[in-house]
Amino acid sequence: MAVTLEPLEAELAEGVAHQRLDHAVHDKPPAWTGIDPAKPLPHVILPSGDVTISQCAAQIFSLVAPTKSMFIRGGVVTIINRNDRGEYVLEVLRPPAARSRFEKHGRLFAWRVGYRGKEVLRPSICPEETARAIIESQEARDLLPKISGLINCPFFKSHKWKIICLRGGIR
């Protein structure tokens, strides 16, 4: 099935214009954009119609991997968070949290049955079960960067026959 977004773009233009006005009034970036309002988020089609979980996962993790906001450790998708003491910690990404994290990397759509039974792409929220399938996919393990640990204190390392002191961080 060929994916075309022209009809959808026209349909969404009215909502986008409203969000741009909201941005001007409230001085905050519109929700449909990512961090940079000049760069709208790419479209991501959730598993539906002819789109498989693997295809969707490959698209999502191809967008996520360069940002280094999700990692693989022990075959599990992890994220870096801060604990109660403000230290960085690795946490397993749970499906409920994955839903909103996916939205930060792409506008989510799904194939739905529209007028007269025709399939149409509609904006969608990622269901928890879909998020679980995506984060447990082989594509997650293949595309996300691997992480072996996180160090919160300075440590010493041998480099070119010298001992150097490094700050904590991702290793």
C-alpha atoms as a PDB file:
ATOM      1  CA  MET A   1       0.000   0.000   0.000  1.00  0.00           C
ATOM      2  CA  ALA A   2       1.454   3.354  -1.003  1.00  0.00           C
ATOM      3  CA  VAL A   3       1.381   5.945   1.732  1.00  0.00           C
ATOM      4  CA  THR A   4       0.262   9.394   0.695  1.00  0.00           C
ATOM      5  CA  LEU A   5      -0.323  12.173   3.157  1.00  0.00           C
ATOM      6  CA  GLU A   6      -1.659  14.965   0.905  1.00  0.00           C
ATOM      7  CA  PRO A   7      -5.354  14.545   1.884  1.00  0.00           C
ATOM      8  CA  LEU A   8      -4.358  14.289   5.518  1.00  0.00           C
ATOM      9  CA  GLU A   9      -2.176  17.399   5.332  1.00  0.00           C
ATOM     10  CA  ALA A  10      -5.073  19.474   3.988  1.00  0.00           C
ATOM     11  CA  GLU A  11      -7.351  18.129   6.700  1.00  0.00           C
ATOM     12  CA  LEU A  12      -4.818  18.930   9.417  1.00  0.00           C
ATOM     13  CA  ALA A  13      -3.947  22.403   8.095  1.00  0.00           C
ATOM     14  CA  GLU A  14      -6.793  24.008  10.015  1.00  0.00           C
ATOM     15  CA  GLY A  15      -5.649  22.475  13.311  1.00  0.00           C
ATOM     16  CA  VAL A  16      -2.021  23.436  12.644  1.00  0.00           C
ATOM     17  CA  ALA A  17      -3.016  27.029  11.917  1.00  0.00           C
ATOM     18  CA  HIS A  18      -4.903  27.095  15.227  1.00  0.00           C
ATOM     19  CA  GLN A  19      -1.840  25.781  17.082  1.00  0.00           C
ATOM     20  CA  ARG A  20       0.341  28.415  15.431  1.00  0.00           C
ATOM     21  CA  LEU A  21      -2.055  31.086  16.680  1.00  0.00           C
ATOM     22  CA  ASP A  22      -1.933  29.506  20.125  1.00  0.00           C
ATOM     23  CA  HIS A  23       1.871  29.721  19.944  1.00  0.00           C
ATOM     24  CA  ALA A  24       1.698  33.434  19.163  1.00  0.00           C
ATOM     25  CA  VAL A  25      -0.733  34.089  22.012  1.00  0.00           C
ATOM     26  CA  HIS A  26       0.807  31.931  24.729  1.00  0.00           C
ATOM     27  CA  ASP A  27       4.477  32.130  23.654  1.00  0.00           C
ATOM     28  CA  LYS A  28       5.073  28.381  23.726  1.00  0.00           C
ATOM     29  CA  PRO A  29       5.954  25.974  20.893  1.00  0.00           C
ATOM     30  CA  PRO A  30       2.966  24.230  19.316  1.00  0.00           C
ATOM     31  CA  ALA A  31       2.472  20.628  20.413  1.00  0.00           C
ATOM     32  CA  TRP A  32       2.766  19.145  16.920  1.00  0.00           C
ATOM     33  CA  THR A  33       6.374  20.175  16.506  1.00  0.00           C
ATOM     34  CA  GLY A  34       9.407  18.708  18.157  1.00  0.00           C
ATOM     35  CA  ILE A  35      11.861  20.793  20.105  1.00  0.00           C
ATOM     36  CA  ASP A  36      12.560  23.051  17.111  1.00  0.00           C
ATOM     37  CA  PRO A  37       9.401  24.729  15.718  1.00  0.00           C
ATOM     38  CA  ALA A  38      11.194  25.219  12.381  1.00  0.00           C
ATOM     39  CA  LYS A  39      11.423  21.427  11.931  1.00  0.00           C
ATOM     40  CA  PRO A  40       8.079  19.613  12.084  1.00  0.00           C
ATOM     41  CA  LEU A  41       8.286  16.038  13.287  1.00  0.00           C
ATOM     42  CA  PRO A  42       8.253  13.255  10.667  1.00  0.00           C
ATOM     43  CA  HIS A  43       5.169  11.089  10.300  1.00  0.00           C
ATOM     44  CA  VAL A  44       5.311   7.645  11.925  1.00  0.00           C
ATOM     45  CA  ILE A  45       2.657   5.106  11.002  1.00  0.00           C
ATOM     46  CA  LEU A  46       1.738   2.789  13.856  1.00  0.00           C
ATOM     47  CA  PRO A  47       1.070  -0.895  13.135  1.00  0.00           C
ATOM     48  CA  SER A  48      -2.224  -0.905  11.242  1.00  0.00           C
ATOM     49  CA  GLY A  49      -3.381  -1.706   7.727  1.00  0.00           C
ATOM     50  CA  ASP A  50      -0.371  -3.191   5.943  1.00  0.00           C
ATOM     51  CA  VAL A  51       2.162  -1.631   8.365  1.00  0.00           C
ATOM     52  CA  THR A  52       3.745  -4.263  10.606  1.00  0.00           C
ATOM     53  CA  ILE A  53       5.158  -3.903  14.101  1.00  0.00           C
ATOM     54  CA  SER A  54       8.653  -4.462  12.673  1.00  0.00           C
ATOM     55  CA  GLN A  55       8.244  -1.727  10.057  1.00  0.00           C
ATOM     56  CA  CYS A  56       6.943   0.731  12.637  1.00  0.00           C
ATOM     57  CA  ALA A  57       9.696  -0.154  15.131  1.00  0.00           C
ATOM     58  CA  ALA A  58      12.358   0.306  12.439  1.00  0.00           C
ATOM     59  CA  GLN A  59      10.974   3.743  11.601  1.00  0.00           C
ATOM     60  CA  ILE A  60      10.722   4.861  15.248  1.00  0.00           C
ATOM     61  CA  PHE A  61      14.143   3.596  16.324  1.00  0.00           C
ATOM     62  CA  SER A  62      15.790   5.034  13.191  1.00  0.00           C
ATOM     63  CA  LEU A  63      14.547   8.424  14.425  1.00  0.00           C
ATOM     64  CA  VAL A  64      15.410   7.800  18.087  1.00  0.00           C
ATOM     65  CA  ALA A  65      18.911   6.285  17.715  1.00  0.00           C
ATOM     66  CA  PRO A  66      20.731   9.472  16.586  1.00  0.00           C
ATOM     67  CA  THR A  67      19.342  11.390  19.599  1.00  0.00           C
ATOM     68  CA  LYS A  68      20.864   8.894  22.065  1.00  0.00           C
ATOM     69  CA  SER A  69      17.809   9.204  24.293  1.00  0.00           C
ATOM     70  CA  MET A  70      17.144   5.449  24.388  1.00  0.00           C
ATOM     71  CA  PHE A  71      19.676   2.635  24.678  1.00  0.00           C
ATOM     72  CA  ILE A  72      19.898  -1.148  24.768  1.00  0.00           C
ATOM     73  CA  ARG A  73      21.326  -2.805  27.859  1.00  0.00           C
ATOM     74  CA  GLY A  74      20.968  -6.526  28.361  1.00  0.00           C
ATOM     75  CA  GLY A  75      18.534  -6.755  25.455  1.00  0.00           C
ATOM     76  CA  VAL A  76      16.166  -4.237  27.083  1.00  0.00           C
ATOM     77  CA  VAL A  77      15.366  -0.658  26.034  1.00  0.00           C
ATOM     78  CA  THR A  78      16.639   1.740  28.707  1.00  0.00           C
ATOM     79  CA  ILE A  79      16.610   5.492  29.287  1.00  0.00           C
ATOM     80  CA  ILE A  80      18.699   7.808  31.439  1.00  0.00           C
ATOM     81  CA  ASN A  81      16.841   9.505  34.287  1.00  0.00           C
ATOM     82  CA  ARG A  82      17.763  11.197  37.550  1.00  0.00           C
ATOM     83  CA  ASN A  83      17.119   9.590  40.923  1.00  0.00           C
ATOM     84  CA  ASP A  84      16.016  11.371  44.132  1.00  0.00           C
ATOM     85  CA  ARG A  85      19.597  12.532  44.800  1.00  0.00           C
ATOM     86  CA  GLY A  86      19.964  14.013  41.310  1.00  0.00           C
ATOM     87  CA  GLU A  87      22.288  11.256  40.093  1.00  0.00           C
ATOM     88  CA  TYR A  88      21.918   9.815  36.625  1.00  0.00           C
ATOM     89  CA  VAL A  89      20.548   6.274  36.527  1.00  0.00           C
ATOM     90  CA  LEU A  90      19.614   3.794  33.825  1.00  0.00           C
ATOM     91  CA  GLU A  91      15.958   2.769  33.889  1.00  0.00           C
ATOM     92  CA  VAL A  92      14.048   0.240  31.850  1.00  0.00           C
ATOM     93  CA  LEU A  93      11.647   2.001  29.469  1.00  0.00           C
ATOM     94  CA  ARG A  94       8.137   0.843  30.353  1.00  0.00           C
ATOM     95  CA  PRO A  95       5.375   0.785  27.709  1.00  0.00           C
ATOM     96  CA  PRO A  96       3.290   3.582  29.297  1.00  0.00           C
ATOM     97  CA  ALA A  97       6.310   5.915  29.224  1.00  0.00           C
ATOM     98  CA  ALA A  98       7.341   4.753  25.750  1.00  0.00           C
ATOM     99  CA  ARG A  99       4.061   6.059  24.335  1.00  0.00           C
ATOM    100  CA  SER A 100       4.863   9.696  25.071  1.00  0.00           C
ATOM    101  CA  ARG A 101       8.570   9.286  24.251  1.00  0.00           C
ATOM    102  CA  PHE A 102       7.652   8.063  20.755  1.00  0.00           C
ATOM    103  CA  GLU A 103       5.570  11.233  20.287  1.00  0.00           C
ATOM    104  CA  LYS A 104       8.696  13.351  20.830  1.00  0.00           C
ATOM    105  CA  HIS A 105      10.313  11.803  17.746  1.00  0.00           C
ATOM    106  CA  GLY A 106       7.425  11.654  15.276  1.00  0.00           C
ATOM    107  CA  ARG A 107       3.764  12.458  14.711  1.00  0.00           C
ATOM    108  CA  LEU A 108       1.927   9.191  15.188  1.00  0.00           C
ATOM    109  CA  PHE A 109      -0.667   8.033  12.672  1.00  0.00           C
ATOM    110  CA  ALA A 110      -2.643   4.845  12.106  1.00  0.00           C
ATOM    111  CA  TRP A 111      -4.688   3.457   9.266  1.00  0.00           C
ATOM    112  CA  ARG A 112      -8.410   3.610  10.053  1.00  0.00           C
ATOM    113  CA  VAL A 113     -11.586   2.887   8.128  1.00  0.00           C
ATOM    114  CA  GLY A 114     -13.000   6.156   6.921  1.00  0.00           C
ATOM    115  CA  TYR A 115     -15.913   7.309   4.809  1.00  0.00           C
ATOM    116  CA  ARG A 116     -17.429   4.548   2.640  1.00  0.00           C
ATOM    117  CA  GLY A 117     -15.010   1.984   4.068  1.00  0.00           C
ATOM    118  CA  LYS A 118     -11.922   3.600   2.540  1.00  0.00           C
ATOM    119  CA  GLU A 119      -8.689   3.324   4.545  1.00  0.00           C
ATOM    120  CA  VAL A 120      -7.385   6.706   5.715  1.00  0.00           C
ATOM    121  CA  LEU A 121      -4.463   7.811   7.869  1.00  0.00           C
ATOM    122  CA  ARG A 122      -5.537   9.466  11.101  1.00  0.00           C
ATOM    123  CA  PRO A 123      -3.520  11.005  13.934  1.00  0.00           C
ATOM    124  CA  SER A 124      -3.321   8.450  16.704  1.00  0.00           C
ATOM    125  CA  ILE A 125      -2.091   7.812  20.221  1.00  0.00           C
ATOM    126  CA  CYS A 126       0.104   4.746  20.595  1.00  0.00           C
ATOM    127  CA  PRO A 127      -1.735   2.072  22.591  1.00  0.00           C
ATOM    128  CA  GLU A 128       0.204   0.536  25.485  1.00  0.00           C
ATOM    129  CA  GLU A 129       0.157  -2.928  23.913  1.00  0.00           C
ATOM    130  CA  THR A 130       1.617  -1.511  20.681  1.00  0.00           C
ATOM    131  CA  ALA A 131       4.307   0.330  22.658  1.00  0.00           C
ATOM    132  CA  ARG A 132       5.189  -2.945  24.403  1.00  0.00           C
ATOM    133  CA  ALA A 133       5.513  -4.743  21.050  1.00  0.00           C
ATOM    134  CA  ILE A 134       7.670  -1.945  19.611  1.00  0.00           C
ATOM    135  CA  ILE A 135      10.121  -1.750  22.526  1.00  0.00           C
ATOM    136  CA  GLU A 136      10.461  -5.538  22.625  1.00  0.00           C
ATOM    137  CA  SER A 137      11.111  -5.795  18.872  1.00  0.00           C
ATOM    138  CA  GLN A 138      14.306  -7.002  17.251  1.00  0.00           C
ATOM    139  CA  GLU A 139      14.548  -3.588  15.569  1.00  0.00           C
ATOM    140  CA  ALA A 140      15.013  -1.957  18.979  1.00  0.00           C
ATOM    141  CA  ARG A 141      17.947  -4.255  19.724  1.00  0.00           C
ATOM    142  CA  ASP A 142      19.448  -3.741  16.261  1.00  0.00           C
ATOM    143  CA  LEU A 143      19.056   0.036  15.862  1.00  0.00           C
ATOM    144  CA  LEU A 144      19.464   1.573  19.325  1.00  0.00           C
ATOM    145  CA  PRO A 145      22.968   2.253  20.671  1.00  0.00           C
ATOM    146  CA  LYS A 146      24.285  -0.202  23.266  1.00  0.00           C
ATOM    147  CA  ILE A 147      25.167   1.055  26.736  1.00  0.00           C
ATOM    148  CA  SER A 148      27.182  -0.878  29.276  1.00  0.00           C
ATOM    149  CA  GLY A 149      26.977   1.419  32.261  1.00  0.00           C
ATOM    150  CA  LEU A 150      26.642   4.832  33.774  1.00  0.00           C
ATOM    151  CA  ILE A 151      29.215   6.325  36.130  1.00  0.00           C
ATOM    152  CA  ASN A 152      28.265   9.148  38.503  1.00  0.00           C
ATOM    153  CA  CYS A 153      31.719   9.910  39.896  1.00  0.00           C
ATOM    154  CA  PRO A 154      35.153  10.771  38.507  1.00  0.00           C
ATOM    155  CA  PHE A 155      37.326   7.779  37.635  1.00  0.00           C
ATOM    156  CA  PHE A 156      40.863   7.094  36.455  1.00  0.00           C
ATOM    157  CA  LYS A 157      41.735   5.617  33.100  1.00  0.00           C
ATOM    158  CA  SER A 158      44.974   4.733  31.358  1.00  0.00           C
ATOM    159  CA  HIS A 159      45.342   6.578  28.052  1.00  0.00           C
ATOM    160  CA  LYS A 160      48.535   6.531  25.964  1.00  0.00           C
ATOM    161  CA  TRP A 161      50.664   5.473  28.922  1.00  0.00           C
ATOM    162  CA  LYS A 162      49.226   8.230  31.127  1.00  0.00           C
ATOM    163  CA  ILE A 163      46.675   8.091  33.910  1.00  0.00           C
ATOM    164  CA  ILE A 164      43.863  10.573  33.324  1.00  0.00           C
ATOM    165  CA  CYS A 165      40.888  11.502  35.488  1.00  0.00           C
ATOM    166  CA  LEU A 166      37.537  11.459  33.695  1.00  0.00           C
ATOM    167  CA  ARG A 167      34.202  12.763  34.869  1.00  0.00           C
ATOM    168  CA  GLY A 168      31.293  10.358  35.171  1.00  0.00           C
ATOM    169  CA  GLY A 169      29.032   9.675  32.235  1.00  0.00           C
ATOM    170  CA  ILE A 170      27.831   7.090  29.776  1.00  0.00           C
ATOM    171  CA  ARG A 171      30.137   4.170  29.018  1.00  0.00           C
END
